[in-house]
Amino acid sequence: MIQRILFILFLMVLMTSCGGAAPATQPPAATEAPAATEPPATEAPAATEPPALQSLEAPTQAAPQGQATSTSQPAATQALSTLTDTPLPTLELPTEIINAPSQMVWDGTPTYLAESTPGYSFRVTYDPELWALTSDQFGFPALAHRNLPACVISVTSGRGLPLNMTVEHDVLYTGKINFDVGNVYENGVLKFVTYTGGNGTIITGFQVNFEEQRQECLAEAVTVLSTLTSVPVSQSTPTP
């Protein structure tokens, strides 16, 4: 009987010891709870990364495409070609003078005043049946041929030229006058010719423009320019 009581007590002590061990093993379960929340913490940055990459990629691709289509370079090229192909306006010629003298004069201020003697004007003589004294597209006096369209003699001075233009120089000597002749080419095509020179008293420059009948225009112009001389300003004929 006593042995049975001791055996029961022993079992109770054993059960008590086993039941007390359970709370000791529960705290690790409490520490594992944060581990269950770790995946959402690591997944959150991954969810925000794709939008960041998309927001950077979209503007870098759209901006160059927009610039290339809105300000394309062919538009500038078209503007340049339009300027180059635009013809000069037709000059208005005065009515031919009835019973005009066989020769008339055009007097003007030399375009190279520093190299000219002060107080002198240039003078060229022309046939009024062939030439008319008028104004060029810039408002300066000029001689326009009556029979050769766009054949014009105007005053000029040295200036720069675009890169697509080149100049070939020649010399014209008429006995009393020396001219430096500048043949100006644009992309290999002769566009106009300049004559710069004088008689020792004045130095001035002229430009001859043309569109058709180039040789005829230049020949007629040289006939006029070969008459170049100088006169005192007090004796010069006012330009109308």
Protein backbone atom coordinates (compact mmCIF):
# COMPACT_ATOMS: atom_id res chain seq x y z
CA MET A 1 0.00 0.00 0.00
CA ILE A 2 2.71 2.42 0.92
CA GLN A 3 4.61 1.48 -2.21
CA ARG A 4 1.57 2.28 -4.36
CA ILE A 5 1.21 5.68 -2.68
CA LEU A 6 4.89 6.44 -3.29
CA PHE A 7 4.56 5.33 -6.89
CA ILE A 8 1.57 7.68 -7.38
CA LEU A 9 3.48 10.56 -5.79
CA PHE A 10 6.40 9.82 -8.02
CA LEU A 11 4.17 9.97 -11.07
CA MET A 12 2.65 13.24 -9.93
CA VAL A 13 6.09 14.77 -9.40
CA LEU A 14 7.10 13.51 -12.82
CA MET A 15 3.99 14.97 -14.43
CA THR A 16 4.47 18.23 -12.62
CA SER A 17 8.03 18.48 -13.86
CA CYS A 18 6.88 17.74 -17.41
CA GLY A 19 4.10 20.36 -17.26
CA GLY A 20 6.46 23.07 -16.04
CA ALA A 21 8.79 22.52 -18.93
CA ALA A 22 6.14 23.62 -21.45
CA PRO A 23 6.27 27.33 -20.57
CA ALA A 24 10.05 27.21 -20.96
CA THR A 25 9.68 26.14 -24.59
CA GLN A 26 7.02 28.76 -25.47
CA PRO A 27 9.26 31.91 -25.53
CA PRO A 28 11.06 30.75 -28.71
CA ALA A 29 7.62 30.75 -30.37
CA ALA A 30 7.28 34.40 -29.34
CA THR A 31 10.68 35.23 -30.87
CA GLU A 32 9.68 33.54 -34.12
CA ALA A 33 6.73 35.93 -34.61
CA PRO A 34 8.95 38.82 -35.89
CA ALA A 35 10.51 36.36 -38.32
CA ALA A 36 7.06 35.89 -39.84
CA THR A 37 6.89 39.67 -40.51
CA GLU A 38 10.34 39.84 -42.19
CA PRO A 39 9.23 38.83 -45.71
CA PRO A 40 6.85 41.82 -46.05
CA ALA A 41 9.65 44.11 -44.84
CA THR A 42 12.03 42.81 -47.52
CA GLU A 43 9.39 42.75 -50.24
CA ALA A 44 8.35 46.38 -49.79
CA PRO A 45 11.52 47.96 -51.35
CA ALA A 46 11.27 45.49 -54.25
CA ALA A 47 7.76 46.73 -54.97
CA THR A 48 8.98 50.39 -55.19
CA GLU A 49 11.95 49.74 -57.50
CA PRO A 50 10.15 49.19 -60.85
CA PRO A 51 8.31 52.56 -60.77
CA ALA A 52 11.65 54.32 -60.14
CA LEU A 53 13.22 52.71 -63.20
CA GLN A 54 10.22 53.51 -65.38
CA SER A 55 10.13 57.16 -64.36
CA LEU A 56 13.80 57.62 -65.32
CA GLU A 57 13.55 55.79 -68.64
CA ALA A 58 10.50 57.58 -70.05
CA PRO A 59 11.86 61.19 -70.13
CA THR A 60 15.30 60.19 -71.44
CA GLN A 61 13.76 58.53 -74.48
CA ALA A 62 11.00 61.05 -75.16
CA ALA A 63 13.13 64.21 -74.94
CA PRO A 64 15.59 63.49 -77.81
CA GLN A 65 12.78 62.30 -80.04
CA GLY A 66 10.79 65.45 -79.45
CA GLN A 67 13.79 67.66 -80.18
CA ALA A 68 14.63 65.86 -83.39
CA THR A 69 11.11 66.23 -84.78
CA SER A 70 10.33 69.77 -83.60
CA THR A 71 13.57 71.50 -84.68
CA SER A 72 14.82 69.32 -87.48
CA GLN A 73 17.84 70.57 -89.45
CA PRO A 74 16.27 70.24 -92.94
CA ALA A 75 14.06 73.22 -92.05
CA ALA A 76 17.18 75.42 -91.71
CA THR A 77 18.54 74.06 -94.98
CA GLN A 78 15.28 74.88 -96.70
CA ALA A 79 15.45 78.45 -95.40
CA LEU A 80 18.98 78.88 -96.76
CA SER A 81 18.04 77.52 -100.15
CA THR A 82 15.09 79.90 -100.24
CA LEU A 83 17.37 82.86 -99.58
CA THR A 84 19.83 81.75 -102.24
CA ASP A 85 17.19 81.13 -104.92
CA THR A 86 15.30 84.38 -104.36
CA PRO A 87 15.93 86.61 -107.40
CA LEU A 88 16.73 90.29 -107.04
CA PRO A 89 13.79 92.63 -107.58
CA THR A 90 13.44 94.15 -111.03
CA LEU A 91 14.61 97.76 -111.09
CA GLU A 92 12.25 100.43 -112.29
CA LEU A 93 13.78 102.31 -115.23
CA PRO A 94 12.92 105.93 -115.98
CA THR A 95 11.33 106.73 -119.30
CA GLU A 96 13.84 107.26 -122.07
CA ILE A 97 14.60 110.93 -122.59
CA ILE A 98 13.35 112.37 -125.89
CA ASN A 99 16.09 113.98 -127.96
CA ALA A 100 18.63 112.96 -125.32
CA PRO A 101 22.30 113.68 -125.95
CA SER A 102 24.41 110.86 -127.29
CA GLN A 103 26.33 110.67 -124.01
CA MET A 104 25.37 111.38 -120.42
CA VAL A 105 27.40 111.26 -117.20
CA TRP A 106 27.01 109.61 -113.84
CA ASP A 107 28.91 111.38 -111.05
CA GLY A 108 29.23 110.00 -107.55
CA THR A 109 31.29 109.82 -104.36
CA PRO A 110 34.25 107.38 -104.51
CA THR A 111 33.65 104.31 -102.36
CA TYR A 112 37.27 104.38 -101.10
CA LEU A 113 37.50 107.88 -99.67
CA ALA A 114 40.63 107.17 -97.62
CA GLU A 115 42.55 106.24 -100.80
CA SER A 116 41.08 109.10 -102.87
CA THR A 117 42.02 112.76 -103.08
CA PRO A 118 39.49 114.80 -101.08
CA GLY A 119 37.13 117.03 -103.02
CA TYR A 120 36.77 114.82 -106.11
CA SER A 121 33.95 112.71 -107.50
CA PHE A 122 34.07 109.85 -109.96
CA ARG A 123 32.47 110.21 -113.39
CA VAL A 124 31.50 107.62 -115.99
CA THR A 125 29.90 108.31 -119.37
CA TYR A 126 27.07 106.21 -120.81
CA ASP A 127 24.70 106.04 -123.77
CA PRO A 128 21.17 106.94 -122.56
CA GLU A 129 19.64 104.75 -125.26
CA LEU A 130 21.34 101.71 -123.68
CA TRP A 131 21.53 102.65 -120.00
CA ALA A 132 19.27 104.37 -117.49
CA LEU A 133 20.39 105.99 -114.25
CA THR A 134 18.21 104.58 -111.46
CA SER A 135 18.52 103.14 -107.91
CA ASP A 136 19.46 99.57 -106.96
CA GLN A 137 17.57 97.38 -104.46
CA PHE A 138 19.43 99.12 -101.60
CA GLY A 139 18.54 102.65 -102.76
CA PHE A 140 21.98 103.55 -104.14
CA PRO A 141 22.45 105.06 -107.63
CA ALA A 142 23.01 102.47 -110.36
CA LEU A 143 23.01 102.10 -114.13
CA ALA A 144 20.56 99.55 -115.53
CA HIS A 145 20.71 98.32 -119.12
CA ARG A 146 17.55 98.91 -121.10
CA ASN A 147 17.91 95.91 -123.42
CA LEU A 148 19.63 93.33 -121.18
CA PRO A 149 17.38 92.33 -118.27
CA ALA A 150 19.01 92.40 -114.82
CA CYS A 151 22.26 93.86 -116.20
CA VAL A 152 23.13 96.49 -113.58
CA ILE A 153 26.21 98.54 -112.65
CA SER A 154 26.20 99.65 -109.00
CA VAL A 155 28.74 101.06 -106.57
CA THR A 156 30.45 98.73 -104.10
CA SER A 157 33.37 98.38 -101.74
CA GLY A 158 35.32 95.50 -100.22
CA ARG A 159 33.35 93.15 -97.98
CA GLY A 160 33.36 89.59 -96.76
CA LEU A 161 31.79 86.72 -98.68
CA PRO A 162 30.04 83.52 -97.56
CA LEU A 163 32.11 80.34 -97.39
CA ASN A 164 30.44 78.92 -100.50
CA MET A 165 31.75 81.83 -102.61
CA THR A 166 35.20 82.17 -104.15
CA VAL A 167 36.92 85.02 -106.03
CA GLU A 168 39.23 84.87 -109.03
CA HIS A 169 41.17 88.09 -109.65
CA ASP A 170 42.18 89.64 -112.93
CA VAL A 171 43.48 93.03 -114.08
CA LEU A 172 41.91 95.46 -116.54
CA TYR A 173 44.09 98.31 -117.83
CA THR A 174 42.57 100.86 -120.18
CA GLY A 175 45.57 103.19 -120.59
CA LYS A 176 44.54 105.69 -117.89
CA ILE A 177 42.68 103.45 -115.46
CA ASN A 178 43.69 100.33 -113.58
CA PHE A 179 40.97 97.97 -112.40
CA ASP A 180 41.27 94.95 -110.17
CA VAL A 181 38.63 92.60 -111.52
CA GLY A 182 37.04 90.15 -109.09
CA ASN A 183 35.05 87.29 -110.60
CA VAL A 184 32.84 86.01 -107.77
CA TYR A 185 31.63 82.40 -107.98
CA GLU A 186 28.97 80.71 -105.88
CA ASN A 187 29.29 76.91 -105.88
CA GLY A 188 31.25 77.16 -109.13
CA VAL A 189 28.77 79.48 -110.90
CA LEU A 190 29.78 83.07 -111.77
CA LYS A 191 27.35 85.35 -109.89
CA PHE A 192 28.77 88.86 -110.36
CA VAL A 193 31.97 90.76 -111.20
CA THR A 194 33.57 93.66 -109.31
CA TYR A 195 35.80 96.39 -110.74
CA THR A 196 37.92 98.30 -108.23
CA GLY A 197 40.36 101.00 -109.33
CA GLY A 198 40.85 104.56 -110.42
CA ASN A 199 43.01 107.06 -112.24
CA GLY A 200 45.35 108.01 -109.40
CA THR A 201 43.07 110.75 -108.06
CA ILE A 202 40.12 108.64 -106.95
CA ILE A 203 39.71 104.96 -106.08
CA THR A 204 36.23 103.52 -106.32
CA GLY A 205 34.47 100.20 -106.81
CA PHE A 206 31.69 98.96 -109.08
CA GLN A 207 29.74 95.71 -109.21
CA VAL A 208 28.14 94.28 -112.33
CA ASN A 209 25.19 91.94 -111.84
CA PHE A 210 23.47 89.85 -114.48
CA GLU A 211 21.15 86.89 -114.94
CA GLU A 212 21.15 86.09 -118.65
CA GLN A 213 23.40 87.22 -121.54
CA ARG A 214 26.35 87.45 -119.18
CA GLN A 215 29.01 88.09 -121.82
CA GLU A 216 26.97 90.83 -123.47
CA CYS A 217 26.30 92.51 -120.12
CA LEU A 218 29.97 92.47 -119.09
CA ALA A 219 31.08 93.83 -122.46
CA GLU A 220 28.61 96.71 -122.26
CA ALA A 221 29.61 97.41 -118.64
CA VAL A 222 33.33 97.53 -119.44
CA THR A 223 32.59 100.08 -122.18
CA VAL A 224 31.03 102.34 -119.55
CA LEU A 225 33.60 101.76 -116.80
CA SER A 226 36.48 102.43 -119.19
CA THR A 227 35.37 106.08 -119.29
CA LEU A 228 36.03 106.51 -115.56
CA THR A 229 37.59 109.84 -114.64
CA SER A 230 37.54 112.29 -111.74
CA VAL A 231 36.02 115.75 -111.50
CA PRO A 232 35.96 118.33 -108.72
CA VAL A 233 32.91 118.04 -106.51
CA SER A 234 31.96 121.59 -107.50
CA GLN A 235 31.67 120.48 -111.15
CA SER A 236 29.92 117.15 -110.55
CA THR A 237 26.40 116.55 -111.81
CA PRO A 238 23.91 115.91 -108.99
CA THR A 239 22.39 112.45 -109.08
CA PRO A 240 18.62 112.68 -109.59
